[in-house]
Structure formats: C-alpha cells, structure tokens
Protein backbone atom coordinates (compact mmCIF):
# COMPACT_ATOMS: atom_id res chain seq x y z
CA UNK A 1 -178.21 22.70 -188.60
CA UNK A 2 -175.72 20.47 -190.37
CA UNK A 3 -175.04 21.19 -194.04
CA UNK A 4 -173.47 18.45 -196.16
CA UNK A 5 -172.63 20.58 -199.20
CA UNK A 6 -172.13 24.22 -200.16
CA UNK A 7 -171.14 26.34 -203.14
CA UNK A 8 -167.99 28.49 -203.12
CA UNK A 9 -168.18 31.52 -205.40
CA UNK A 10 -165.82 34.36 -206.29
CA UNK A 11 -165.97 37.61 -208.26
CA UNK A 12 -163.78 37.67 -211.36
CA UNK A 13 -163.36 39.06 -214.86
CA UNK A 14 -162.72 42.48 -213.34
CA UNK A 15 -159.51 43.41 -215.19
CA UNK A 16 -159.75 46.25 -217.70
CA UNK A 17 -157.32 46.95 -220.52
CA UNK A 18 -153.78 47.01 -219.15
CA UNK A 19 -155.09 47.06 -215.58
CA UNK A 20 -155.11 43.57 -214.03
CA UNK A 21 -157.17 42.77 -210.97
CA UNK A 22 -157.19 39.43 -209.22
CA UNK A 23 -155.95 35.96 -210.17
CA UNK A 24 -158.90 34.51 -212.04
CA UNK A 25 -157.03 31.43 -213.23
CA UNK A 26 -155.97 30.62 -209.67
CA UNK A 27 -159.49 31.03 -208.31
CA UNK A 28 -161.02 28.87 -211.03
CA UNK A 29 -158.99 25.95 -209.69
CA UNK A 30 -160.77 26.29 -206.34
CA UNK A 31 -164.28 27.74 -206.62
CA UNK A 32 -167.44 26.11 -207.95
CA UNK A 33 -169.16 29.27 -209.24
CA UNK A 34 -167.75 32.36 -210.98
CA UNK A 35 -169.45 35.75 -210.68
CA UNK A 36 -168.16 37.32 -213.89
CA UNK A 37 -168.27 41.09 -214.38
CA UNK A 38 -170.37 42.35 -217.28
CA UNK A 39 -168.52 45.50 -218.30
CA UNK A 40 -170.46 48.11 -216.32
CA UNK A 41 -168.48 48.14 -213.06
CA UNK A 42 -165.41 46.32 -214.45
CA UNK A 43 -164.22 44.04 -217.22
CA UNK A 44 -163.52 44.74 -220.89
CA UNK A 45 -164.87 42.49 -223.69
CA UNK A 46 -161.62 40.57 -224.17
CA UNK A 47 -161.39 39.90 -220.43
CA UNK A 48 -164.98 38.65 -220.31
CA UNK A 49 -164.43 36.29 -223.23
CA UNK A 50 -161.25 34.89 -221.69
CA UNK A 51 -162.83 34.50 -218.25
CA UNK A 52 -165.94 32.75 -219.58
CA UNK A 53 -163.76 30.41 -221.65
CA UNK A 54 -161.64 29.51 -218.61
CA UNK A 55 -164.69 29.00 -216.39
CA UNK A 56 -166.30 26.65 -218.91
CA UNK A 57 -163.03 24.72 -219.31
CA UNK A 58 -162.82 24.28 -215.52
CA UNK A 59 -166.44 23.17 -215.22
CA UNK A 60 -167.25 26.19 -213.05
CA UNK A 61 -170.78 27.64 -213.15
CA UNK A 62 -170.99 31.02 -214.90
CA UNK A 63 -172.89 33.83 -213.21
CA UNK A 64 -173.49 37.37 -214.47
CA UNK A 65 -172.32 39.91 -211.91
CA UNK A 66 -174.37 42.95 -212.78
CA UNK A 67 -173.69 46.39 -211.34
CA UNK A 68 -174.27 50.10 -211.59
CA UNK A 69 -172.81 51.84 -214.66
CA UNK A 70 -169.78 53.01 -212.69
CA UNK A 71 -166.36 52.02 -214.04
CA UNK A 72 -164.59 54.86 -212.24
CA UNK A 73 -166.01 53.83 -208.87
CA UNK A 74 -165.76 50.08 -209.48
CA UNK A 75 -169.48 49.87 -208.88
CA UNK A 76 -169.09 50.65 -205.20
CA UNK A 77 -170.97 53.96 -205.24
CA UNK A 78 -174.75 54.05 -204.87
CA UNK A 79 -176.50 55.53 -207.92
CA UNK A 80 -180.07 56.77 -207.59
CA UNK A 81 -180.96 55.44 -211.02
CA UNK A 82 -184.60 55.21 -212.10
CA UNK A 83 -185.99 51.66 -211.93
CA UNK A 84 -186.74 51.56 -215.67
CA UNK A 85 -183.16 52.57 -216.47
CA UNK A 86 -181.75 50.06 -213.99
CA UNK A 87 -183.93 47.34 -215.52
CA UNK A 88 -182.47 48.11 -218.97
CA UNK A 89 -178.91 48.25 -217.63
CA UNK A 90 -179.23 44.86 -215.94
CA UNK A 91 -180.95 43.26 -218.94
CA UNK A 92 -178.14 44.55 -221.18
CA UNK A 93 -175.45 43.14 -218.92
CA UNK A 94 -176.99 39.69 -218.58
CA UNK A 95 -177.58 39.47 -222.33
CA UNK A 96 -174.01 40.45 -223.13
CA UNK A 97 -172.40 37.94 -220.79
CA UNK A 98 -174.84 35.18 -221.72
CA UNK A 99 -173.96 35.68 -225.39
CA UNK A 100 -170.25 35.50 -224.60
CA UNK A 101 -170.67 32.40 -222.42
CA UNK A 102 -172.67 30.62 -225.13
CA UNK A 103 -170.00 31.39 -227.72
CA UNK A 104 -167.47 29.39 -225.67
CA UNK A 105 -169.77 26.46 -224.93
CA UNK A 106 -171.40 27.59 -221.71
CA UNK A 107 -174.26 29.82 -220.55
CA UNK A 108 -175.10 32.18 -217.71
CA UNK A 109 -176.95 30.13 -215.09
CA UNK A 110 -177.40 32.72 -212.34
CA UNK A 111 -177.18 36.44 -211.60
CA UNK A 112 -175.49 38.16 -208.67
CA UNK A 113 -175.53 41.95 -208.22
CA UNK A 114 -172.22 43.62 -207.46
CA UNK A 115 -171.00 46.10 -204.87
CA UNK A 116 -173.22 49.07 -204.13
CA UNK A 117 -176.10 47.59 -206.12
CA UNK A 118 -175.94 44.38 -204.05
CA UNK A 119 -176.05 46.38 -200.82
CA UNK A 120 -178.69 48.84 -202.04
CA UNK A 121 -181.24 46.17 -202.98
CA UNK A 122 -181.09 44.62 -199.55
CA UNK A 123 -183.58 47.39 -198.64
CA UNK A 124 -184.26 49.45 -201.80
CA UNK A 125 -187.53 47.88 -202.93
CA UNK A 126 -187.85 49.69 -206.28
CA UNK A 127 -184.33 48.87 -207.45
CA UNK A 128 -184.68 45.30 -206.18
CA UNK A 129 -187.83 44.85 -208.23
CA UNK A 130 -186.13 46.27 -211.32
CA UNK A 131 -183.20 43.86 -211.07
CA UNK A 132 -185.48 40.86 -210.47
CA UNK A 133 -187.66 41.84 -213.45
CA UNK A 134 -184.64 42.05 -215.74
CA UNK A 135 -183.44 38.61 -214.68
CA UNK A 136 -186.86 37.03 -215.15
CA UNK A 137 -187.44 38.70 -218.50
CA UNK A 138 -184.10 37.50 -219.85
CA UNK A 139 -184.66 33.88 -218.81
CA UNK A 140 -187.11 32.56 -216.26
CA UNK A 141 -184.84 29.61 -215.40
CA UNK A 142 -182.00 31.84 -214.13
CA UNK A 143 -181.18 31.71 -210.43
CA UNK A 144 -180.31 34.74 -208.32
CA UNK A 145 -177.70 34.99 -205.59
CA UNK A 146 -178.27 37.46 -202.76
CA UNK A 147 -178.30 38.27 -199.06
CA UNK A 148 -180.79 36.28 -196.95
CA UNK A 149 -183.85 38.35 -196.04
CA UNK A 150 -183.13 40.99 -198.69
CA UNK A 151 -185.72 42.86 -200.74
CA UNK A 152 -183.98 41.46 -203.81
CA UNK A 153 -184.58 37.82 -202.92
CA UNK A 154 -188.20 38.66 -202.04
CA UNK A 155 -188.67 40.36 -205.42
CA UNK A 156 -187.06 37.41 -207.19
CA UNK A 157 -189.35 34.96 -205.42
CA UNK A 158 -192.33 37.07 -206.49
CA UNK A 159 -191.11 36.56 -210.07
CA UNK A 160 -190.91 32.79 -209.48
CA UNK A 161 -187.12 32.82 -209.74
CA UNK A 162 -185.08 30.33 -207.75
CA UNK A 163 -183.21 32.19 -205.01
CA UNK A 164 -179.87 31.23 -203.49
CA UNK A 165 -178.83 32.59 -200.10
CA UNK A 166 -175.28 33.87 -199.83
CA UNK A 167 -172.80 34.55 -197.04
CA UNK A 168 -169.41 36.25 -197.26
CA UNK A 169 -166.26 34.55 -196.07
CA UNK A 170 -164.10 37.66 -195.98
CA UNK A 171 -166.50 40.37 -194.86
CA UNK A 172 -167.51 41.49 -191.37
CA UNK A 173 -171.21 41.49 -190.49
CA UNK A 174 -173.38 43.82 -188.43
CA UNK A 175 -175.75 42.35 -185.81
CA UNK A 176 -178.69 42.79 -188.23
CA UNK A 177 -177.08 40.46 -190.76
CA UNK A 178 -175.88 43.08 -193.25
CA UNK A 179 -172.28 43.74 -194.28
CA UNK A 180 -170.10 46.26 -192.47
CA UNK A 181 -169.32 49.18 -194.79
CA UNK A 182 -165.94 48.99 -196.49
CA UNK A 183 -165.32 52.49 -195.13
CA UNK A 184 -165.16 51.00 -191.62
CA UNK A 185 -161.96 49.43 -190.21
CA UNK A 186 -162.05 45.64 -190.12
CA UNK A 187 -164.76 45.38 -192.80
CA UNK A 188 -162.63 43.02 -194.93
CA UNK A 189 -161.02 39.93 -193.36
CA UNK A 190 -157.73 38.54 -194.65
CA UNK A 191 -156.32 35.88 -192.29
CA UNK A 192 -156.82 32.44 -193.91
CA UNK A 193 -156.96 30.54 -190.60
CA UNK A 194 -159.49 32.87 -189.00
CA UNK A 195 -161.63 33.06 -192.13
CA UNK A 196 -161.63 29.33 -192.83
CA UNK A 197 -162.62 28.51 -189.23
CA UNK A 198 -165.38 31.10 -189.45
CA UNK A 199 -166.70 29.62 -192.69
CA UNK A 200 -166.72 26.06 -191.34
CA UNK A 201 -168.83 27.17 -188.38
CA UNK A 202 -171.10 29.16 -190.68
CA UNK A 203 -171.68 26.21 -193.01
CA UNK A 204 -171.92 23.40 -190.45
CA UNK A 205 -173.76 25.25 -187.69
CA UNK A 206 -175.38 28.23 -189.40
CA UNK A 207 -173.81 30.65 -186.92
CA UNK A 208 -171.57 33.69 -187.43
CA UNK A 209 -169.96 36.16 -185.01
CA UNK A 210 -170.65 39.79 -185.91
CA UNK A 211 -168.46 42.86 -185.60
CA UNK A 212 -169.66 43.58 -182.06
CA UNK A 213 -169.09 40.02 -180.85
CA UNK A 214 -172.70 38.87 -180.92
CA UNK A 215 -173.66 35.69 -182.76
CA UNK A 216 -176.35 35.50 -185.42
CA UNK A 217 -177.95 32.71 -187.43
CA UNK A 218 -177.27 32.60 -191.17
CA UNK A 219 -178.35 29.77 -193.45
CA UNK A 220 -176.32 30.10 -196.65
CA UNK A 221 -176.29 27.97 -199.80
CA UNK A 222 -173.17 29.69 -201.16
CA UNK A 223 -170.10 31.36 -199.67
CA UNK A 224 -168.28 34.20 -201.45
CA UNK A 225 -164.59 35.05 -201.57
CA UNK A 226 -163.81 38.44 -203.12
CA UNK A 227 -161.44 37.91 -206.04
CA UNK A 228 -160.05 41.45 -205.83
CA UNK A 229 -158.82 41.04 -202.25
CA UNK A 230 -155.08 40.48 -201.68
CA UNK A 231 -154.40 36.79 -201.09
CA UNK A 232 -157.79 35.72 -202.45
CA UNK A 233 -156.48 32.47 -203.95
CA UNK A 234 -154.72 31.47 -200.73
CA UNK A 235 -157.88 32.30 -198.81
CA UNK A 236 -160.06 30.24 -201.15
CA UNK A 237 -157.72 27.24 -200.86
CA UNK A 238 -157.78 27.47 -197.05
CA UNK A 239 -161.58 27.63 -197.02
CA UNK A 240 -161.94 24.68 -199.39
CA UNK A 241 -159.48 22.56 -197.39
CA UNK A 242 -161.20 23.38 -194.10
CA UNK A 243 -164.67 22.61 -195.45
CA UNK A 244 -163.53 19.34 -197.01
CA UNK A 245 -161.87 18.33 -193.74
CA UNK A 246 -165.17 19.04 -191.97
CA UNK A 247 -166.97 16.64 -194.32
CA UNK A 248 -168.60 19.30 -196.47
CA UNK A 249 -168.75 18.73 -200.23
CA UNK A 250 -168.20 21.76 -202.47
CA UNK A 251 -170.58 21.81 -205.41
CA UNK A 252 -172.16 24.48 -207.59
CA UNK A 253 -175.78 25.35 -206.82
CA UNK A 254 -176.40 25.95 -210.53
CA UNK A 255 -176.02 23.26 -213.23
C-alpha cells in the first residue's frame, strides 16, 4: 500500500481556568484537524471559544472531542453510564461545540471520542451505538474518527455516517491492534526521530511494529498526536517534515 496523502490531527482546547495544558497555538501551525474538547473531560467555555477561533483562522478542520463526564479524571476513567445517558451527554457536547464553532465562522465537521470513551467503544457495543446515534441525530453529514475495526466505526457505518480510520503516532500498540494501556511502561512514545520514522512507515506501507516486536497491518486515514504530551509541537513538526519528505501530502479528511 502506498498512500499519497494523510490527515494529521491533535487533541486541544483542554486547558481549564488557570490550568494550561498543551500548546494549541503551536499545534495549529502544524496539524490539519483539531480535536477540540467539549467541556466534559476538559476545556472551559472561554478556552473552547478561543480554540475554535484559532482553528478557523488557521484553516484547520474542527472536530468535537466528546468524552465521559469526568473533569477530575480527564476523561481517562471508564464510566459504566447507561446508553441513553451517554447519548444525551454526547449530543450535548457536539451541540455546544458546534454552536461555538459557528459563532466564529466555522462548524464542527467530525466527532472523535476521547480517552476512556474512545477505548471503551472499541468493544463496548451498547456505548458505541449510543455515541454513533448522537452523532447521526445531530447532523447526518458529520464524520467520525475512530480505531479501525472498532465497534464504534461499525455502529457509525450502520447509521450511514462516513467513518475515518485513525492511527496514533505517539502510542504503543498491542498485537491485536489496540492501544497499550497508559498504566503500562512505554505506552506513550516521545522521541521525535523514532516516532516520525514509525509514522512514515505506517502511512506509506500500512505497517506498524507493536509492543512485543511483531508487525501488524494498519490502514489509517488520519494520524493523531496527543496535544497534552510533553514536546507535542516538536513531535508534530518532525512527523510533518518526515511525511512531506516521503512525498506524502498532509490534508484534512473533512472539509
């Protein structure tokens, strides 16, 4: 497999009050899509307005990063929430961010779950269906970003939503194609040279080496850099430079 273009996305808008997380302005100079927090796992209203405004000014696609209602845990704790309640939570989050984005001249064009919710709906069929239903009921033209082969992407396809397959630049993978838990050593990768070389091989050959040294096939339309990781901007620049040098064009998957 040889891919000529790919999207580069990053999580942002996750600061809250006097607590600053990540360099959103720096990332918006590099990425093509912005997964912007919606206030449930991170992000206060002023932060979301500012981040949407900056994304629109940079011509970066705006995505709603929906999560569990878990500010204290940064959305990284699984919550056994009833599907109807999760549906309402996700619908609320998308609506809020879409309203903010439209007020600054943009619009939400896709949805990406965050943290524990993202990982849960790889296999949790009921929660996956609830998230997909909320997306479709808000706007049927929205795209969804998720892990290839996940229950979430299957549920989204059943709702006739356009699905976008995602891979992670800075996360270690298990041999079954899921992410290594952040509780495990080596789950998050930081070296720009190692990560950029890994991403080039992933994009141009569809192959990725897992945590145990085996190689798996992954066909991804978008690659994620975590905005809250130390050195995220440097990492994103290294990835972009390496992909461009390999003849890959970076472009948003959403208009």
